[in-house]
Amino acid sequence: MKKIIRNIVLVIIVVLVAMGGFVYYKINSPAFGIQKASYIYINEEKNYLQLMDQLKTAAHLKDVNLFERLAHMMKYSENVKSGRYEITPQTTYLEAIRMLRSGRQMPVKLTFNNIRLKEDLSERIGEQMLFDSDALLSRLNDPNVTASLGFDTITILAMFIPNTYEIYWNTPVDKFLERMKKEYNHFWTDQRREKANALHLSPVEVSTLASIVEEETALPSEYPIVSGLYINRLRKGMPLQADPTVKFAVGDVSLRRIANWHLHIESPYNTYLYSGLPPGPIRIPSIKGIDATLNYKEHNYLYMCAKEDFSGTHNFSIAFSEHLVNAKKYQDMLDRNHIW
């Protein structure tokens, strides 16, 4: 009898070990039927059922029952954390639950460039983060918020340096702004600030000038030349007379021809009416544009006009009489092409 009992116990142990081994194998095997990384987004509601829907539809969870049993044992449904999580083809059941339960998210590679207005920036950022565009825009238009960051509601765009940043998807909007201010301070090194001081410009004024330069020419190789031209004008106390600022004042950056009446639009951004720089950037300038302004090319040019071949390049001149000749060529080409 003892032998029989011993054999039964032995069989039970073997079965239990086999079952344990099988369970161990299952929970440590790839849990998702995907060929490349998939991302799971959990918002502030931290809804477990919505998460399960994502795991099934976006990540193709293989064994829903096994996942849920393991999640229940690990009390995950009581510890859901918001965030953006990466699921790879190799992610196991156990790894997935541990990652989700601990809140070990994968940061977003946040990118923004070619931005003109606060509305454009808010929309671009809102597409990539948990907070929506309205939440960001309301803060960019709030004088108290912008003042706390060292700007006002007009100059705040200068704080954003176009680049790619790693940041967590569920970062609150105010923390995001603090991060952007930190990146701004990091960008404006002592060396860059010294160059700005040599121009008698603040970092915001450099960004404002760079924004005009980038709107003036689509050719990066011309940035230092155009920057040097405007700096020459500033030093001489001449109005910038920059067409992009007129387009901004009019509210139509698509204008291909500036009419005489455009030059009389009442706006602090109209550099035909007002000397010096406008109140703030007319777009968010790129790093290349800012550095081209700080490292402008020294020359004696005071005038520029788009070339009549519509190449996007410019004719530069020292004398106004030469500029008039260049302007006539361009205007004649506009007439011939019926651009009014």
C-alpha atoms as a PDB file:
ATOM      1  CA  MET A   1       0.000   0.000   0.000  1.00  0.00           C
ATOM      2  CA  LYS A   2       2.795   2.379   0.927  1.00  0.00           C
ATOM      3  CA  LYS A   3       4.423   1.687  -2.394  1.00  0.00           C
ATOM      4  CA  ILE A   4       1.201   2.441  -4.269  1.00  0.00           C
ATOM      5  CA  ILE A   5       0.734   5.702  -2.368  1.00  0.00           C
ATOM      6  CA  ARG A   6       4.363   6.591  -3.023  1.00  0.00           C
ATOM      7  CA  ASN A   7       3.908   5.936  -6.737  1.00  0.00           C
ATOM      8  CA  ILE A   8       0.698   7.988  -6.840  1.00  0.00           C
ATOM      9  CA  VAL A   9       2.426  10.889  -5.090  1.00  0.00           C
ATOM     10  CA  LEU A  10       5.331  10.578  -7.505  1.00  0.00           C
ATOM     11  CA  VAL A  11       2.969  10.662 -10.485  1.00  0.00           C
ATOM     12  CA  ILE A  12       1.191  13.709  -9.046  1.00  0.00           C
ATOM     13  CA  ILE A  13       4.530  15.478  -8.554  1.00  0.00           C
ATOM     14  CA  VAL A  14       5.614  14.652 -12.090  1.00  0.00           C
ATOM     15  CA  VAL A  15       2.301  15.911 -13.452  1.00  0.00           C
ATOM     16  CA  LEU A  16       2.509  19.086 -11.390  1.00  0.00           C
ATOM     17  CA  VAL A  17       6.092  19.699 -12.467  1.00  0.00           C
ATOM     18  CA  ALA A  18       5.130  19.070 -16.082  1.00  0.00           C
ATOM     19  CA  MET A  19       2.166  21.416 -15.785  1.00  0.00           C
ATOM     20  CA  GLY A  20       4.330  24.002 -14.069  1.00  0.00           C
ATOM     21  CA  GLY A  21       6.930  23.682 -16.782  1.00  0.00           C
ATOM     22  CA  PHE A  22       4.255  24.049 -19.436  1.00  0.00           C
ATOM     23  CA  VAL A  23       2.800  27.146 -17.737  1.00  0.00           C
ATOM     24  CA  TYR A  24       6.292  28.595 -17.309  1.00  0.00           C
ATOM     25  CA  TYR A  25       6.971  27.971 -20.988  1.00  0.00           C
ATOM     26  CA  LYS A  26       3.668  29.541 -22.042  1.00  0.00           C
ATOM     27  CA  ILE A  27       3.934  32.723 -19.986  1.00  0.00           C
ATOM     28  CA  ASN A  28       7.508  33.216 -21.197  1.00  0.00           C
ATOM     29  CA  SER A  29       6.709  32.617 -24.855  1.00  0.00           C
ATOM     30  CA  PRO A  30       5.952  35.382 -27.411  1.00  0.00           C
ATOM     31  CA  ALA A  31       2.417  36.573 -26.754  1.00  0.00           C
ATOM     32  CA  PHE A  32       1.699  38.645 -29.849  1.00  0.00           C
ATOM     33  CA  GLY A  33       1.245  37.772 -33.500  1.00  0.00           C
ATOM     34  CA  ILE A  34       2.977  40.810 -34.987  1.00  0.00           C
ATOM     35  CA  GLN A  35       5.902  41.214 -37.383  1.00  0.00           C
ATOM     36  CA  LYS A  36       7.135  44.587 -36.080  1.00  0.00           C
ATOM     37  CA  ALA A  37       6.787  46.747 -32.989  1.00  0.00           C
ATOM     38  CA  SER A  38       3.290  47.875 -32.088  1.00  0.00           C
ATOM     39  CA  TYR A  39       2.363  50.623 -29.618  1.00  0.00           C
ATOM     40  CA  ILE A  40      -0.327  50.575 -26.974  1.00  0.00           C
ATOM     41  CA  TYR A  41      -1.716  53.875 -25.683  1.00  0.00           C
ATOM     42  CA  ILE A  42      -3.412  54.091 -22.283  1.00  0.00           C
ATOM     43  CA  ASN A  43      -5.018  57.445 -21.515  1.00  0.00           C
ATOM     44  CA  GLU A  44      -5.893  59.037 -18.160  1.00  0.00           C
ATOM     45  CA  GLU A  45      -9.010  56.886 -17.809  1.00  0.00           C
ATOM     46  CA  LYS A  46      -6.731  53.838 -17.431  1.00  0.00           C
ATOM     47  CA  ASN A  47      -9.521  51.627 -18.737  1.00  0.00           C
ATOM     48  CA  TYR A  48      -8.506  47.963 -18.545  1.00  0.00           C
ATOM     49  CA  LEU A  49     -11.149  46.825 -21.048  1.00  0.00           C
ATOM     50  CA  GLN A  50      -9.984  49.380 -23.615  1.00  0.00           C
ATOM     51  CA  LEU A  51      -6.437  48.175 -23.091  1.00  0.00           C
ATOM     52  CA  MET A  52      -7.505  44.587 -23.764  1.00  0.00           C
ATOM     53  CA  ASP A  53      -9.201  45.705 -26.991  1.00  0.00           C
ATOM     54  CA  GLN A  54      -5.937  47.331 -28.114  1.00  0.00           C
ATOM     55  CA  LEU A  55      -3.904  44.255 -27.246  1.00  0.00           C
ATOM     56  CA  LYS A  56      -6.242  42.128 -29.328  1.00  0.00           C
ATOM     57  CA  THR A  57      -6.674  44.430 -32.332  1.00  0.00           C
ATOM     58  CA  ALA A  58      -3.375  46.340 -32.548  1.00  0.00           C
ATOM     59  CA  ALA A  59      -0.956  43.789 -31.075  1.00  0.00           C
ATOM     60  CA  HIS A  60      -2.819  40.575 -31.991  1.00  0.00           C
ATOM     61  CA  LEU A  61      -2.690  38.963 -28.531  1.00  0.00           C
ATOM     62  CA  LYS A  62      -2.536  35.204 -29.095  1.00  0.00           C
ATOM     63  CA  ASP A  63      -4.086  33.791 -25.918  1.00  0.00           C
ATOM     64  CA  VAL A  64      -6.463  36.266 -24.295  1.00  0.00           C
ATOM     65  CA  ASN A  65      -7.473  33.874 -21.496  1.00  0.00           C
ATOM     66  CA  LEU A  66      -3.877  33.204 -20.466  1.00  0.00           C
ATOM     67  CA  PHE A  67      -3.075  36.930 -20.441  1.00  0.00           C
ATOM     68  CA  GLU A  68      -6.132  37.765 -18.341  1.00  0.00           C
ATOM     69  CA  ARG A  69      -5.501  34.937 -15.857  1.00  0.00           C
ATOM     70  CA  LEU A  70      -1.910  36.080 -15.419  1.00  0.00           C
ATOM     71  CA  ALA A  71      -3.015  39.734 -15.183  1.00  0.00           C
ATOM     72  CA  HIS A  72      -5.500  38.769 -12.475  1.00  0.00           C
ATOM     73  CA  MET A  73      -2.839  36.881 -10.504  1.00  0.00           C
ATOM     74  CA  MET A  74      -0.512  39.908 -10.739  1.00  0.00           C
ATOM     75  CA  LYS A  75      -3.382  42.302  -9.884  1.00  0.00           C
ATOM     76  CA  TYR A  76      -2.687  44.312 -13.010  1.00  0.00           C
ATOM     77  CA  SER A  77      -6.284  45.467 -13.571  1.00  0.00           C
ATOM     78  CA  GLU A  78      -5.966  47.329 -10.259  1.00  0.00           C
ATOM     79  CA  ASN A  79      -2.658  48.931 -11.276  1.00  0.00           C
ATOM     80  CA  VAL A  80      -3.187  50.215 -14.833  1.00  0.00           C
ATOM     81  CA  LYS A  81      -0.902  53.154 -15.639  1.00  0.00           C
ATOM     82  CA  SER A  82      -1.300  55.596 -18.511  1.00  0.00           C
ATOM     83  CA  GLY A  83       1.396  55.852 -21.148  1.00  0.00           C
ATOM     84  CA  ARG A  84       2.706  54.627 -24.489  1.00  0.00           C
ATOM     85  CA  TYR A  85       4.028  51.069 -24.425  1.00  0.00           C
ATOM     86  CA  GLU A  86       6.021  49.167 -27.015  1.00  0.00           C
ATOM     87  CA  ILE A  87       5.027  45.611 -27.869  1.00  0.00           C
ATOM     88  CA  THR A  88       7.542  43.694 -29.983  1.00  0.00           C
ATOM     89  CA  PRO A  89       7.230  40.311 -31.710  1.00  0.00           C
ATOM     90  CA  GLN A  90       9.392  38.881 -28.893  1.00  0.00           C
ATOM     91  CA  THR A  91       7.394  40.313 -25.958  1.00  0.00           C
ATOM     92  CA  THR A  92       6.127  37.516 -23.712  1.00  0.00           C
ATOM     93  CA  TYR A  93       2.965  37.400 -21.605  1.00  0.00           C
ATOM     94  CA  LEU A  94       4.934  37.916 -18.401  1.00  0.00           C
ATOM     95  CA  GLU A  95       7.087  40.714 -19.845  1.00  0.00           C
ATOM     96  CA  ALA A  96       4.039  42.547 -21.177  1.00  0.00           C
ATOM     97  CA  ILE A  97       2.211  42.531 -17.849  1.00  0.00           C
ATOM     98  CA  ARG A  98       5.327  43.505 -15.896  1.00  0.00           C
ATOM     99  CA  MET A  99       5.974  46.378 -18.320  1.00  0.00           C
ATOM    100  CA  LEU A 100       2.385  47.640 -18.225  1.00  0.00           C
ATOM    101  CA  ARG A 101       2.046  47.227 -14.471  1.00  0.00           C
ATOM    102  CA  SER A 102       5.293  49.108 -13.716  1.00  0.00           C
ATOM    103  CA  GLY A 103       4.492  51.906 -16.181  1.00  0.00           C
ATOM    104  CA  ARG A 104       7.720  51.281 -18.114  1.00  0.00           C
ATOM    105  CA  GLN A 105       6.766  53.198 -21.247  1.00  0.00           C
ATOM    106  CA  MET A 106       8.553  53.931 -24.501  1.00  0.00           C
ATOM    107  CA  PRO A 107       9.109  57.661 -25.087  1.00  0.00           C
ATOM    108  CA  VAL A 108       7.752  59.429 -28.164  1.00  0.00           C
ATOM    109  CA  LYS A 109      10.218  60.915 -30.637  1.00  0.00           C
ATOM    110  CA  LEU A 110       8.509  64.295 -30.730  1.00  0.00           C
ATOM    111  CA  THR A 111       9.273  66.286 -33.885  1.00  0.00           C
ATOM    112  CA  PHE A 112       8.142  69.683 -35.082  1.00  0.00           C
ATOM    113  CA  ASN A 113       9.452  71.947 -37.831  1.00  0.00           C
ATOM    114  CA  ASN A 114       8.161  74.271 -40.551  1.00  0.00           C
ATOM    115  CA  ILE A 115       5.770  75.927 -38.089  1.00  0.00           C
ATOM    116  CA  ARG A 116       4.343  79.415 -38.581  1.00  0.00           C
ATOM    117  CA  LEU A 117       1.626  80.078 -36.012  1.00  0.00           C
ATOM    118  CA  LYS A 118       0.827  79.049 -32.459  1.00  0.00           C
ATOM    119  CA  GLU A 119      -2.212  77.216 -33.828  1.00  0.00           C
ATOM    120  CA  ASP A 120       0.039  75.221 -36.170  1.00  0.00           C
ATOM    121  CA  LEU A 121       2.425  74.351 -33.351  1.00  0.00           C
ATOM    122  CA  SER A 122      -0.371  73.308 -31.001  1.00  0.00           C
ATOM    123  CA  GLU A 123      -1.913  71.075 -33.643  1.00  0.00           C
ATOM    124  CA  ARG A 124       1.406  69.437 -34.540  1.00  0.00           C
ATOM    125  CA  ILE A 125       2.294  68.750 -30.906  1.00  0.00           C
ATOM    126  CA  GLY A 126      -1.242  67.666 -30.010  1.00  0.00           C
ATOM    127  CA  GLU A 127      -1.077  64.988 -32.696  1.00  0.00           C
ATOM    128  CA  GLN A 128       1.896  63.397 -30.943  1.00  0.00           C
ATOM    129  CA  MET A 129       1.026  63.760 -27.247  1.00  0.00           C
ATOM    130  CA  LEU A 130      -1.744  62.736 -24.859  1.00  0.00           C
ATOM    131  CA  PHE A 131      -2.807  66.334 -24.144  1.00  0.00           C
ATOM    132  CA  ASP A 132      -4.785  67.946 -26.970  1.00  0.00           C
ATOM    133  CA  SER A 133      -3.958  70.995 -29.070  1.00  0.00           C
ATOM    134  CA  ASP A 134      -6.474  73.219 -27.247  1.00  0.00           C
ATOM    135  CA  ALA A 135      -4.742  72.620 -23.922  1.00  0.00           C
ATOM    136  CA  LEU A 136      -1.419  73.774 -25.360  1.00  0.00           C
ATOM    137  CA  LEU A 137      -2.852  76.701 -27.312  1.00  0.00           C
ATOM    138  CA  SER A 138      -4.676  78.065 -24.266  1.00  0.00           C
ATOM    139  CA  ARG A 139      -1.383  78.185 -22.379  1.00  0.00           C
ATOM    140  CA  LEU A 140       0.497  79.816 -25.251  1.00  0.00           C
ATOM    141  CA  ASN A 141      -2.185  82.537 -25.195  1.00  0.00           C
ATOM    142  CA  ASP A 142      -2.111  82.930 -21.408  1.00  0.00           C
ATOM    143  CA  PRO A 143       0.078  85.932 -20.359  1.00  0.00           C
ATOM    144  CA  ASN A 144       0.711  84.441 -16.923  1.00  0.00           C
ATOM    145  CA  VAL A 145       1.945  81.143 -18.346  1.00  0.00           C
ATOM    146  CA  THR A 146       4.193  82.734 -20.974  1.00  0.00           C
ATOM    147  CA  ALA A 147       5.568  85.213 -18.411  1.00  0.00           C
ATOM    148  CA  SER A 148       6.471  82.345 -16.082  1.00  0.00           C
ATOM    149  CA  LEU A 149       8.593  80.954 -18.915  1.00  0.00           C
ATOM    150  CA  GLY A 150      10.292  84.290 -19.614  1.00  0.00           C
ATOM    151  CA  PHE A 151       8.296  85.279 -22.711  1.00  0.00           C
ATOM    152  CA  ASP A 152       5.024  86.933 -23.654  1.00  0.00           C
ATOM    153  CA  THR A 153       2.177  85.661 -25.816  1.00  0.00           C
ATOM    154  CA  ILE A 154       3.873  87.096 -28.931  1.00  0.00           C
ATOM    155  CA  THR A 155       7.467  86.004 -28.353  1.00  0.00           C
ATOM    156  CA  ILE A 156       6.650  82.561 -26.926  1.00  0.00           C
ATOM    157  CA  LEU A 157       7.236  80.896 -30.310  1.00  0.00           C
ATOM    158  CA  ALA A 158      10.929  81.749 -29.972  1.00  0.00           C
ATOM    159  CA  MET A 159      11.131  79.285 -27.055  1.00  0.00           C
ATOM    160  CA  PHE A 160      10.522  76.301 -29.343  1.00  0.00           C
ATOM    161  CA  ILE A 161      13.656  75.027 -31.054  1.00  0.00           C
ATOM    162  CA  PRO A 162      12.711  72.666 -33.926  1.00  0.00           C
ATOM    163  CA  ASN A 163      14.293  69.295 -33.327  1.00  0.00           C
ATOM    164  CA  THR A 164      13.439  65.723 -32.353  1.00  0.00           C
ATOM    165  CA  TYR A 165      12.934  65.186 -28.627  1.00  0.00           C
ATOM    166  CA  GLU A 166      12.360  62.018 -26.630  1.00  0.00           C
ATOM    167  CA  ILE A 167       9.504  62.627 -24.223  1.00  0.00           C
ATOM    168  CA  TYR A 168       6.850  60.490 -22.586  1.00  0.00           C
ATOM    169  CA  TRP A 169       3.513  60.547 -24.393  1.00  0.00           C
ATOM    170  CA  ASN A 170       1.522  61.201 -21.210  1.00  0.00           C
ATOM    171  CA  THR A 171       3.660  64.155 -20.082  1.00  0.00           C
ATOM    172  CA  PRO A 172       1.281  66.899 -18.823  1.00  0.00           C
ATOM    173  CA  VAL A 173       1.146  70.047 -20.944  1.00  0.00           C
ATOM    174  CA  ASP A 174       2.764  72.238 -18.261  1.00  0.00           C
ATOM    175  CA  LYS A 175       5.625  69.779 -17.840  1.00  0.00           C
ATOM    176  CA  PHE A 176       6.008  69.762 -21.618  1.00  0.00           C
ATOM    177  CA  LEU A 177       6.415  73.549 -21.614  1.00  0.00           C
ATOM    178  CA  GLU A 178       8.989  73.295 -18.838  1.00  0.00           C
ATOM    179  CA  ARG A 179      10.876  70.762 -20.959  1.00  0.00           C
ATOM    180  CA  MET A 180      10.825  73.087 -23.965  1.00  0.00           C
ATOM    181  CA  LYS A 181      12.172  75.946 -21.832  1.00  0.00           C
ATOM    182  CA  LYS A 182      14.954  73.641 -20.639  1.00  0.00           C
ATOM    183  CA  GLU A 183      15.786  72.740 -24.255  1.00  0.00           C
ATOM    184  CA  TYR A 184      15.755  76.460 -25.153  1.00  0.00           C
ATOM    185  CA  ASN A 185      18.251  77.213 -22.369  1.00  0.00           C
ATOM    186  CA  HIS A 186      20.387  74.294 -23.509  1.00  0.00           C
ATOM    187  CA  PHE A 187      20.350  75.531 -27.110  1.00  0.00           C
ATOM    188  CA  TRP A 188      21.300  79.096 -26.214  1.00  0.00           C
ATOM    189  CA  THR A 189      24.835  78.324 -25.127  1.00  0.00           C
ATOM    190  CA  ASP A 190      27.251  80.978 -23.909  1.00  0.00           C
ATOM    191  CA  GLN A 191      28.801  80.997 -27.370  1.00  0.00           C
ATOM    192  CA  ARG A 192      25.493  81.684 -29.104  1.00  0.00           C
ATOM    193  CA  ARG A 193      24.581  84.351 -26.553  1.00  0.00           C
ATOM    194  CA  GLU A 194      27.939  86.063 -27.058  1.00  0.00           C
ATOM    195  CA  LYS A 195      27.318  86.214 -30.802  1.00  0.00           C
ATOM    196  CA  ALA A 196      23.831  87.635 -30.197  1.00  0.00           C
ATOM    197  CA  ASN A 197      25.286  90.266 -27.846  1.00  0.00           C
ATOM    198  CA  ALA A 198      27.804  91.238 -30.518  1.00  0.00           C
ATOM    199  CA  LEU A 199      24.824  91.989 -32.782  1.00  0.00           C
ATOM    200  CA  HIS A 200      23.157  93.933 -29.947  1.00  0.00           C
ATOM    201  CA  LEU A 201      20.255  91.494 -30.188  1.00  0.00           C
ATOM    202  CA  SER A 202      18.591  89.275 -27.600  1.00  0.00           C
ATOM    203  CA  PRO A 203      18.031  85.564 -28.353  1.00  0.00           C
ATOM    204  CA  VAL A 204      14.364  86.350 -29.076  1.00  0.00           C
ATOM    205  CA  GLU A 205      15.371  89.113 -31.505  1.00  0.00           C
ATOM    206  CA  VAL A 206      17.804  86.747 -33.226  1.00  0.00           C
ATOM    207  CA  SER A 207      14.968  84.246 -33.654  1.00  0.00           C
ATOM    208  CA  THR A 208      12.724  87.017 -34.978  1.00  0.00           C
ATOM    209  CA  LEU A 209      15.325  88.044 -37.561  1.00  0.00           C
ATOM    210  CA  ALA A 210      15.991  84.404 -38.473  1.00  0.00           C
ATOM    211  CA  SER A 211      12.263  83.859 -39.027  1.00  0.00           C
ATOM    212  CA  ILE A 212      12.222  86.710 -41.550  1.00  0.00           C
ATOM    213  CA  VAL A 213      15.317  85.344 -43.272  1.00  0.00           C
ATOM    214  CA  GLU A 214      13.758  81.898 -43.672  1.00  0.00           C
ATOM    215  CA  GLU A 215      10.561  83.357 -45.103  1.00  0.00           C
ATOM    216  CA  GLU A 216      12.580  85.523 -47.479  1.00  0.00           C
ATOM    217  CA  THR A 217      14.478  82.698 -49.141  1.00  0.00           C
ATOM    218  CA  ALA A 218      13.908  78.980 -49.486  1.00  0.00           C
ATOM    219  CA  LEU A 219      17.601  78.422 -50.180  1.00  0.00           C
ATOM    220  CA  PRO A 220      19.611  77.728 -46.985  1.00  0.00           C
ATOM    221  CA  SER A 221      22.824  78.773 -48.733  1.00  0.00           C
ATOM    222  CA  GLU A 222      21.371  82.294 -48.962  1.00  0.00           C
ATOM    223  CA  TYR A 223      20.519  82.523 -45.245  1.00  0.00           C
ATOM    224  CA  PRO A 224      23.866  84.088 -44.182  1.00  0.00           C
ATOM    225  CA  ILE A 225      23.737  86.606 -47.059  1.00  0.00           C
ATOM    226  CA  VAL A 226      20.168  87.686 -46.315  1.00  0.00           C
ATOM    227  CA  SER A 227      20.986  87.855 -42.605  1.00  0.00           C
ATOM    228  CA  GLY A 228      23.950  90.101 -43.359  1.00  0.00           C
ATOM    229  CA  LEU A 229      21.763  92.364 -45.503  1.00  0.00           C
ATOM    230  CA  TYR A 230      19.200  92.890 -42.749  1.00  0.00           C
ATOM    231  CA  ILE A 231      21.909  93.415 -40.157  1.00  0.00           C
ATOM    232  CA  ASN A 232      23.415  96.102 -42.417  1.00  0.00           C
ATOM    233  CA  ARG A 233      20.016  97.804 -42.522  1.00  0.00           C
ATOM    234  CA  LEU A 234      19.540  97.589 -38.758  1.00  0.00           C
ATOM    235  CA  ARG A 235      22.949  99.118 -38.158  1.00  0.00           C
ATOM    236  CA  LYS A 236      22.197 101.991 -40.521  1.00  0.00           C
ATOM    237  CA  GLY A 237      18.786 102.583 -38.950  1.00  0.00           C
ATOM    238  CA  MET A 238      17.064 101.709 -42.231  1.00  0.00           C
ATOM    239  CA  PRO A 239      13.674  99.957 -42.140  1.00  0.00           C
ATOM    240  CA  LEU A 240      13.987  96.288 -43.008  1.00  0.00           C
ATOM    241  CA  GLN A 241      11.314  96.544 -45.714  1.00  0.00           C
ATOM    242  CA  ALA A 242      10.976  92.768 -45.651  1.00  0.00           C
ATOM    243  CA  ASP A 243       8.126  91.470 -47.793  1.00  0.00           C
ATOM    244  CA  PRO A 244       7.526  88.415 -45.551  1.00  0.00           C
ATOM    245  CA  THR A 245       6.572  90.709 -42.665  1.00  0.00           C
ATOM    246  CA  VAL A 246       4.018  92.405 -44.909  1.00  0.00           C
ATOM    247  CA  LYS A 247       2.534  89.041 -45.865  1.00  0.00           C
ATOM    248  CA  PHE A 248       2.339  88.183 -42.176  1.00  0.00           C
ATOM    249  CA  ALA A 249       0.645  91.498 -41.424  1.00  0.00           C
ATOM    250  CA  VAL A 250      -1.842  90.942 -44.249  1.00  0.00           C
ATOM    251  CA  GLY A 251      -2.428  87.371 -43.064  1.00  0.00           C
ATOM    252  CA  ASP A 252      -1.643  85.745 -46.396  1.00  0.00           C
ATOM    253  CA  VAL A 253       1.781  84.114 -46.684  1.00  0.00           C
ATOM    254  CA  SER A 254       0.882  82.773 -50.139  1.00  0.00           C
ATOM    255  CA  LEU A 255       1.057  86.222 -51.763  1.00  0.00           C
ATOM    256  CA  ARG A 256       3.334  86.118 -54.787  1.00  0.00           C
ATOM    257  CA  ARG A 257       3.194  89.812 -55.479  1.00  0.00           C
ATOM    258  CA  ILE A 258       3.204  92.664 -52.973  1.00  0.00           C
ATOM    259  CA  ALA A 259       0.976  95.543 -54.083  1.00  0.00           C
ATOM    260  CA  ASN A 260       1.510  99.132 -53.031  1.00  0.00           C
ATOM    261  CA  TRP A 261      -1.530  99.045 -50.748  1.00  0.00           C
ATOM    262  CA  HIS A 262      -0.050  96.092 -48.872  1.00  0.00           C
ATOM    263  CA  LEU A 263       2.854  98.301 -47.824  1.00  0.00           C
ATOM    264  CA  HIS A 264       0.473 100.592 -45.944  1.00  0.00           C
ATOM    265  CA  ILE A 265      -1.217  97.896 -43.853  1.00  0.00           C
ATOM    266  CA  GLU A 266      -1.245  99.154 -40.269  1.00  0.00           C
ATOM    267  CA  SER A 267       0.600  96.548 -38.238  1.00  0.00           C
ATOM    268  CA  PRO A 268       3.670  96.468 -35.995  1.00  0.00           C
ATOM    269  CA  TYR A 269       4.822  93.640 -38.243  1.00  0.00           C
ATOM    270  CA  ASN A 270       4.874  95.876 -41.320  1.00  0.00           C
ATOM    271  CA  THR A 271       8.577  96.664 -41.626  1.00  0.00           C
ATOM    272  CA  TYR A 272       7.853  99.141 -44.425  1.00  0.00           C
ATOM    273  CA  LEU A 273       5.997 101.321 -41.922  1.00  0.00           C
ATOM    274  CA  TYR A 274       8.054 100.634 -38.799  1.00  0.00           C
ATOM    275  CA  SER A 275      11.822 100.518 -38.399  1.00  0.00           C
ATOM    276  CA  GLY A 276      13.579  97.785 -36.471  1.00  0.00           C
ATOM    277  CA  LEU A 277      12.414  94.264 -35.850  1.00  0.00           C
ATOM    278  CA  PRO A 278       8.733  93.284 -35.512  1.00  0.00           C
ATOM    279  CA  PRO A 279       7.413  92.293 -32.044  1.00  0.00           C
ATOM    280  CA  GLY A 280       8.193  88.603 -32.466  1.00  0.00           C
ATOM    281  CA  PRO A 281       8.943  85.784 -34.905  1.00  0.00           C
ATOM    282  CA  ILE A 282       6.753  85.408 -37.977  1.00  0.00           C
ATOM    283  CA  ARG A 283       7.465  81.671 -37.863  1.00  0.00           C
ATOM    284  CA  ILE A 284       9.495  79.290 -35.711  1.00  0.00           C
ATOM    285  CA  PRO A 285      12.969  79.500 -37.243  1.00  0.00           C
ATOM    286  CA  SER A 286      15.092  76.403 -37.684  1.00  0.00           C
ATOM    287  CA  ILE A 287      18.420  75.843 -35.954  1.00  0.00           C
ATOM    288  CA  LYS A 288      20.070  76.364 -39.318  1.00  0.00           C
ATOM    289  CA  GLY A 289      18.311  79.716 -39.728  1.00  0.00           C
ATOM    290  CA  ILE A 290      19.253  80.892 -36.223  1.00  0.00           C
ATOM    291  CA  ASP A 291      22.888  79.892 -36.652  1.00  0.00           C
ATOM    292  CA  ALA A 292      23.022  81.519 -40.110  1.00  0.00           C
ATOM    293  CA  THR A 293      21.850  84.745 -38.504  1.00  0.00           C
ATOM    294  CA  LEU A 294      24.420  84.523 -35.718  1.00  0.00           C
ATOM    295  CA  ASN A 295      27.105  83.671 -38.275  1.00  0.00           C
ATOM    296  CA  TYR A 296      25.917  86.082 -40.964  1.00  0.00           C
ATOM    297  CA  LYS A 297      28.040  86.881 -43.988  1.00  0.00           C
ATOM    298  CA  GLU A 298      29.706  90.280 -43.912  1.00  0.00           C
ATOM    299  CA  HIS A 299      29.109  92.315 -47.088  1.00  0.00           C
ATOM    300  CA  ASN A 300      27.773  95.713 -48.128  1.00  0.00           C
ATOM    301  CA  TYR A 301      24.433  94.647 -49.630  1.00  0.00           C
ATOM    302  CA  LEU A 302      21.397  96.692 -48.643  1.00  0.00           C
ATOM    303  CA  TYR A 303      18.870  95.499 -51.226  1.00  0.00           C
ATOM    304  CA  MET A 304      17.598  92.205 -52.550  1.00  0.00           C
ATOM    305  CA  CYS A 305      15.068  91.110 -55.131  1.00  0.00           C
ATOM    306  CA  ALA A 306      13.897  87.705 -56.293  1.00  0.00           C
ATOM    307  CA  LYS A 307      15.478  86.690 -59.576  1.00  0.00           C
ATOM    308  CA  GLU A 308      13.263  86.916 -62.601  1.00  0.00           C
ATOM    309  CA  ASP A 309      13.816  83.220 -63.429  1.00  0.00           C
ATOM    310  CA  PHE A 310      11.608  82.210 -60.444  1.00  0.00           C
ATOM    311  CA  SER A 311      14.451  80.005 -59.190  1.00  0.00           C
ATOM    312  CA  GLY A 312      13.842  81.137 -55.636  1.00  0.00           C
ATOM    313  CA  THR A 313      17.276  82.774 -55.530  1.00  0.00           C
ATOM    314  CA  HIS A 314      17.913  86.516 -55.289  1.00  0.00           C
ATOM    315  CA  ASN A 315      19.826  89.376 -56.834  1.00  0.00           C
ATOM    316  CA  PHE A 316      21.658  91.378 -54.187  1.00  0.00           C
ATOM    317  CA  SER A 317      22.795  94.951 -54.623  1.00  0.00           C
ATOM    318  CA  ILE A 318      24.542  97.760 -52.790  1.00  0.00           C
ATOM    319  CA  ALA A 319      23.072 100.713 -54.687  1.00  0.00           C
ATOM    320  CA  PHE A 320      19.353 101.518 -54.832  1.00  0.00           C
ATOM    321  CA  SER A 321      19.639 102.264 -58.561  1.00  0.00           C
ATOM    322  CA  GLU A 322      20.892  98.735 -59.191  1.00  0.00           C
ATOM    323  CA  HIS A 323      18.069  97.362 -57.074  1.00  0.00           C
ATOM    324  CA  LEU A 324      15.510  99.225 -59.180  1.00  0.00           C
ATOM    325  CA  VAL A 325      16.865  97.512 -62.300  1.00  0.00           C
ATOM    326  CA  ASN A 326      16.576  94.095 -60.639  1.00  0.00           C
ATOM    327  CA  ALA A 327      13.078  94.877 -59.357  1.00  0.00           C
ATOM    328  CA  LYS A 328      11.943  95.950 -62.840  1.00  0.00           C
ATOM    329  CA  LYS A 329      13.121  92.644 -64.323  1.00  0.00           C
ATOM    330  CA  TYR A 330      11.181  90.704 -61.711  1.00  0.00           C
ATOM    331  CA  GLN A 331       8.026  92.793 -62.030  1.00  0.00           C
ATOM    332  CA  ASP A 332       8.079  92.451 -65.811  1.00  0.00           C
ATOM    333  CA  MET A 333       8.286  88.667 -65.434  1.00  0.00           C
ATOM    334  CA  LEU A 334       5.326  88.730 -63.041  1.00  0.00           C
ATOM    335  CA  ASP A 335       3.365  90.714 -65.632  1.00  0.00           C
ATOM    336  CA  ARG A 336       4.243  88.287 -68.418  1.00  0.00           C
ATOM    337  CA  ASN A 337       3.078  85.381 -66.266  1.00  0.00           C
ATOM    338  CA  HIS A 338      -0.130  87.202 -65.269  1.00  0.00           C
ATOM    339  CA  ILE A 339       0.732  87.182 -61.574  1.00  0.00           C
ATOM    340  CA  TRP A 340      -1.064  90.204 -60.121  1.00  0.00           C
END
